[in-house]
Amino acid sequence: MSWYEPLIAAFTFDNPPLLVAAGITFGFGFWEYIYSFRLTSREGRSPFPVWMHTFYFAHDSSWAVILMLAAARYDWNWFLVGASVALMVWTAFEVYNLTMAVRLEREEAFASSLGAGVTPKAALVAIVVQVVGFYALVNLLIAFMGAGSFLQWAALTNVVMAVGPALLSLRRRSRTGGGLGVACVILLGTVNTFLPAGMFVLALPQVFDTTWFYVAGVVFSAVAAAHVVMVARYPAKERVPGQRRPIW
């Protein structure tokens, strides 16, 4: 089954509630990555584990190409083009994140599997292996879900966002590379994903307006809320005289 026709039918300028909901949903995604950039550049640690960056790189670059090719077949539909461009931007974000992972986070990310003293080359090889594996997984599951299953995948990426940073914070047991700000944004973004008036249900109710979707929403929102509570219990970041205020 092709999901392109239902997507094109749903995302029209005659459907302002969906367009507003889509803007909010995409906005949360960019907001989360603004935190990632700031924290990585300021503290040398990302709020997201490296495997999230390799997964998102494979996902975003795959869908950027797939949607642009689909747009060419559907008279350059504005939503398909716009979503493809947004995914290209996110792919560029991941290039930056993975570059910083090799430069600054390779010991934390790979020492447990590669041993102490991880070299940039070893970290790069590990990242390439992960990306290749995720390319295979993402595109295999796209084939299983059907052509144009972009929103199904977008919902899954938001589930990953609810879980991955929480697991990383649990392992670090500190606010370094994270904080209450990004944890709260992730919680709000997770709740927004599963709202009955959110982008997913409004666009494809035949897919998302189901009991299990809402049950999953309760579960993953609870995970994101537990992340906020966990981070709140960690000691606050110390402010160093003469340096910029720590990212909350």
Protein backbone atom coordinates (compact mmCIF):
# COMPACT_ATOMS: atom_id res chain seq x y z
CA MET A 1 0.00 0.00 0.00
CA SER A 2 1.15 3.53 -0.76
CA TRP A 3 0.66 6.15 1.96
CA TYR A 4 1.50 9.08 -0.30
CA GLU A 5 -2.06 9.72 -1.46
CA PRO A 6 -3.50 9.90 2.10
CA LEU A 7 -0.64 12.22 3.13
CA ILE A 8 -1.17 14.54 0.18
CA ALA A 9 -4.92 14.57 0.79
CA ALA A 10 -4.44 15.41 4.47
CA PHE A 11 -1.75 18.08 4.23
CA THR A 12 -3.55 20.87 2.40
CA PHE A 13 -3.89 24.56 3.14
CA ASP A 14 -7.60 23.89 3.65
CA ASN A 15 -6.75 21.93 6.80
CA PRO A 16 -5.31 24.57 9.19
CA PRO A 17 -5.62 22.47 12.40
CA LEU A 18 -3.31 19.84 10.90
CA LEU A 19 -0.87 22.46 9.62
CA VAL A 20 -0.65 24.06 13.06
CA ALA A 21 -0.18 20.64 14.69
CA ALA A 22 2.53 19.77 12.15
CA GLY A 23 4.33 23.04 12.81
CA ILE A 24 4.33 22.33 16.54
CA THR A 25 5.59 18.77 16.02
CA PHE A 26 8.41 19.76 13.66
CA GLY A 27 9.20 22.66 15.99
CA PHE A 28 9.78 20.32 18.92
CA GLY A 29 12.22 18.33 16.79
CA PHE A 30 14.27 21.41 15.95
CA TRP A 31 14.08 22.65 19.56
CA GLU A 32 15.53 19.38 20.83
CA TYR A 33 18.42 19.70 18.41
CA ILE A 34 19.13 23.28 19.39
CA TYR A 35 19.70 21.93 22.90
CA SER A 36 21.95 19.23 21.48
CA PHE A 37 24.13 21.79 19.66
CA ARG A 38 24.40 24.09 22.67
CA LEU A 39 25.18 21.35 25.15
CA THR A 40 27.72 19.62 22.93
CA SER A 41 29.60 22.83 22.12
CA ARG A 42 29.47 24.12 25.71
CA GLU A 43 29.95 20.94 27.75
CA GLY A 44 31.53 18.51 25.31
CA ARG A 45 28.66 16.06 25.74
CA SER A 46 25.46 15.52 23.78
CA PRO A 47 22.14 14.82 25.52
CA PHE A 48 21.63 11.99 23.03
CA PRO A 49 23.67 8.77 22.87
CA VAL A 50 25.74 8.21 19.74
CA TRP A 51 23.51 5.35 18.56
CA MET A 52 20.63 7.86 18.33
CA HIS A 53 22.70 10.07 16.04
CA THR A 54 23.65 7.15 13.77
CA PHE A 55 20.02 5.96 13.68
CA TYR A 56 18.67 9.44 12.92
CA PHE A 57 21.36 9.99 10.26
CA ALA A 58 20.28 6.82 8.46
CA HIS A 59 16.59 7.60 8.92
CA ASP A 60 16.68 11.28 7.97
CA SER A 61 18.93 10.91 4.93
CA SER A 62 16.92 7.93 3.65
CA TRP A 63 13.60 9.75 3.94
CA ALA A 64 15.03 12.99 2.55
CA VAL A 65 15.83 11.16 -0.69
CA ILE A 66 12.68 9.04 -0.72
CA LEU A 67 10.34 12.00 -0.21
CA MET A 68 12.06 14.17 -2.81
CA LEU A 69 11.81 11.38 -5.37
CA ALA A 70 8.14 10.96 -4.44
CA ALA A 71 7.58 14.72 -4.77
CA ALA A 72 8.81 14.52 -8.36
CA ARG A 73 6.16 11.87 -9.06
CA TYR A 74 3.39 13.87 -7.37
CA ASP A 75 3.78 17.24 -9.14
CA TRP A 76 6.22 18.53 -6.52
CA ASN A 77 3.67 18.41 -3.75
CA TRP A 78 4.59 21.10 -1.21
CA PHE A 79 4.40 18.82 1.85
CA LEU A 80 6.65 16.15 0.35
CA VAL A 81 9.18 18.77 -0.75
CA GLY A 82 9.03 20.59 2.58
CA ALA A 83 9.42 17.41 4.63
CA SER A 84 12.35 16.34 2.45
CA VAL A 85 14.11 19.69 2.94
CA ALA A 86 13.52 19.54 6.71
CA LEU A 87 15.06 16.07 6.77
CA MET A 88 18.06 17.31 4.79
CA VAL A 89 18.58 19.94 7.49
CA TRP A 90 18.31 17.29 10.21
CA THR A 91 20.80 15.12 8.30
CA ALA A 92 23.24 18.03 8.31
CA PHE A 93 22.63 18.36 12.05
CA GLU A 94 23.63 14.73 12.47
CA VAL A 95 26.84 15.23 10.51
CA TYR A 96 27.76 17.88 13.06
CA ASN A 97 26.71 15.68 15.98
CA LEU A 98 28.69 12.70 14.74
CA THR A 99 31.73 14.87 14.09
CA MET A 100 31.56 16.11 17.66
CA ALA A 101 31.09 12.53 18.88
CA VAL A 102 34.37 11.53 17.26
CA ARG A 103 36.15 14.60 18.59
CA LEU A 104 34.75 14.82 22.12
CA GLU A 105 32.63 11.82 23.07
CA ARG A 106 34.41 8.82 21.65
CA GLU A 107 35.74 7.59 25.00
CA GLU A 108 32.36 7.72 26.69
CA ALA A 109 30.57 6.25 23.69
CA PHE A 110 32.90 3.41 22.73
CA ALA A 111 35.30 2.58 25.57
CA SER A 112 32.99 -0.12 26.90
CA SER A 113 33.14 -2.00 23.58
CA LEU A 114 36.51 -0.91 22.13
CA GLY A 115 38.51 -0.51 25.33
CA ALA A 116 40.17 2.53 26.82
CA GLY A 117 42.01 5.00 24.65
CA VAL A 118 39.56 5.05 21.73
CA THR A 119 41.21 6.71 18.73
CA PRO A 120 39.31 8.97 16.31
CA LYS A 121 39.77 6.35 13.58
CA ALA A 122 38.31 3.58 15.74
CA ALA A 123 35.36 5.78 16.69
CA LEU A 124 34.76 6.68 13.05
CA VAL A 125 34.80 3.03 12.01
CA ALA A 126 32.33 2.17 14.78
CA ILE A 127 30.03 4.99 13.65
CA VAL A 128 30.19 3.89 10.01
CA VAL A 129 29.31 0.32 11.01
CA GLN A 130 26.32 1.58 13.00
CA VAL A 131 25.14 3.81 10.15
CA VAL A 132 25.35 0.97 7.61
CA GLY A 133 23.40 -1.30 9.94
CA PHE A 134 20.72 1.34 10.53
CA TYR A 135 20.43 2.03 6.79
CA ALA A 136 19.65 -1.64 6.26
CA LEU A 137 17.17 -1.75 9.15
CA VAL A 138 15.36 1.48 8.29
CA ASN A 139 14.94 0.68 4.61
CA LEU A 140 13.90 -2.91 5.28
CA LEU A 141 11.16 -1.72 7.64
CA ILE A 142 10.09 0.99 5.18
CA ALA A 143 9.57 -1.81 2.66
CA PHE A 144 7.52 -3.72 5.23
CA MET A 145 5.40 -0.68 6.24
CA GLY A 146 4.73 0.43 2.68
CA ALA A 147 5.75 3.29 0.41
CA GLY A 148 5.24 6.70 1.96
CA SER A 149 5.08 5.45 5.57
CA PHE A 150 6.82 8.64 6.65
CA LEU A 151 4.53 9.55 9.55
CA GLN A 152 4.70 6.02 10.95
CA TRP A 153 8.48 6.41 11.03
CA ALA A 154 8.28 9.94 12.41
CA ALA A 155 6.27 8.63 15.36
CA LEU A 156 8.90 5.94 15.97
CA THR A 157 11.69 8.53 15.97
CA ASN A 158 9.80 10.44 18.67
CA VAL A 159 9.56 7.25 20.71
CA VAL A 160 13.34 6.87 20.42
CA MET A 161 13.69 10.48 21.60
CA ALA A 162 11.60 9.71 24.69
CA VAL A 163 13.75 6.72 25.68
CA GLY A 164 17.34 7.28 24.49
CA PRO A 165 18.23 10.45 26.43
CA ALA A 166 16.64 9.02 29.59
CA LEU A 167 18.86 5.95 29.39
CA LEU A 168 21.93 8.14 28.82
CA SER A 169 21.10 10.34 31.83
CA LEU A 170 20.60 7.22 33.94
CA ARG A 171 24.05 6.00 32.97
CA ARG A 172 25.77 9.35 33.51
CA ARG A 173 24.03 10.05 36.83
CA SER A 174 24.59 13.77 36.36
CA ARG A 175 23.26 16.72 34.39
CA THR A 176 26.43 16.96 32.30
CA GLY A 177 25.53 17.07 28.62
CA GLY A 178 21.86 17.30 29.52
CA GLY A 179 19.69 19.13 31.98
CA LEU A 180 16.16 19.94 33.00
CA GLY A 181 15.57 22.12 29.95
CA VAL A 182 16.11 19.45 27.33
CA ALA A 183 14.35 16.84 29.49
CA CYS A 184 11.26 19.07 29.72
CA VAL A 185 11.27 19.74 25.97
CA ILE A 186 11.47 16.00 25.29
CA LEU A 187 8.54 15.41 27.65
CA LEU A 188 6.42 18.05 25.92
CA GLY A 189 7.37 16.71 22.50
CA THR A 190 6.48 13.17 23.54
CA VAL A 191 3.07 14.18 24.92
CA ASN A 192 2.41 16.19 21.76
CA THR A 193 3.16 13.15 19.60
CA PHE A 194 0.32 11.12 21.11
CA LEU A 195 -2.36 13.80 21.46
CA PRO A 196 -5.73 13.10 19.78
CA ALA A 197 -5.41 16.59 18.29
CA GLY A 198 -1.76 16.06 17.33
CA MET A 199 -0.29 15.84 13.85
CA PHE A 200 -0.27 12.07 13.63
CA VAL A 201 -3.90 11.40 14.54
CA LEU A 202 -5.18 14.37 12.52
CA ALA A 203 -3.22 13.34 9.41
CA LEU A 204 -3.80 9.57 9.40
CA PRO A 205 -6.53 8.63 11.88
CA GLN A 206 -6.83 5.22 10.22
CA VAL A 207 -3.30 4.48 11.42
CA PHE A 208 -2.88 6.42 14.64
CA ASP A 209 -6.35 6.82 16.18
CA THR A 210 -6.13 3.43 17.86
CA THR A 211 -6.11 2.14 21.42
CA TRP A 212 -2.53 0.92 21.25
CA PHE A 213 -1.27 4.26 19.99
CA TYR A 214 -2.71 6.00 23.05
CA VAL A 215 -1.53 3.26 25.39
CA ALA A 216 1.97 3.66 23.97
CA GLY A 217 1.60 7.40 24.47
CA VAL A 218 0.93 6.93 28.18
CA VAL A 219 3.93 4.58 28.51
CA PHE A 220 6.45 6.74 26.67
CA SER A 221 5.18 9.98 28.22
CA ALA A 222 5.72 8.32 31.61
CA VAL A 223 9.29 7.45 30.58
CA ALA A 224 9.92 11.06 29.52
CA ALA A 225 8.38 12.34 32.79
CA ALA A 226 10.56 9.95 34.80
CA HIS A 227 13.55 11.40 32.94
CA VAL A 228 12.60 14.90 34.12
CA VAL A 229 12.25 13.71 37.73
CA MET A 230 15.56 11.83 37.55
CA VAL A 231 17.47 14.84 36.19
CA ALA A 232 15.86 17.12 38.77
CA ARG A 233 17.33 14.94 41.52
CA TYR A 234 20.87 15.23 40.17
CA PRO A 235 23.02 18.08 41.52
CA ALA A 236 22.66 21.33 39.61
CA LYS A 237 25.53 22.36 37.35
CA GLU A 238 28.03 24.58 39.08
CA ARG A 239 28.50 28.07 37.76
CA VAL A 240 32.18 28.88 37.27
CA PRO A 241 33.12 32.55 37.79
CA GLY A 242 34.11 34.21 34.55
CA GLN A 243 32.33 31.59 32.41
CA ARG A 244 28.90 31.59 30.84
CA ARG A 245 25.93 30.44 32.87
CA PRO A 246 25.45 26.66 32.62
CA ILE A 247 22.66 25.45 30.36
CA TRP A 248 19.74 24.62 32.64
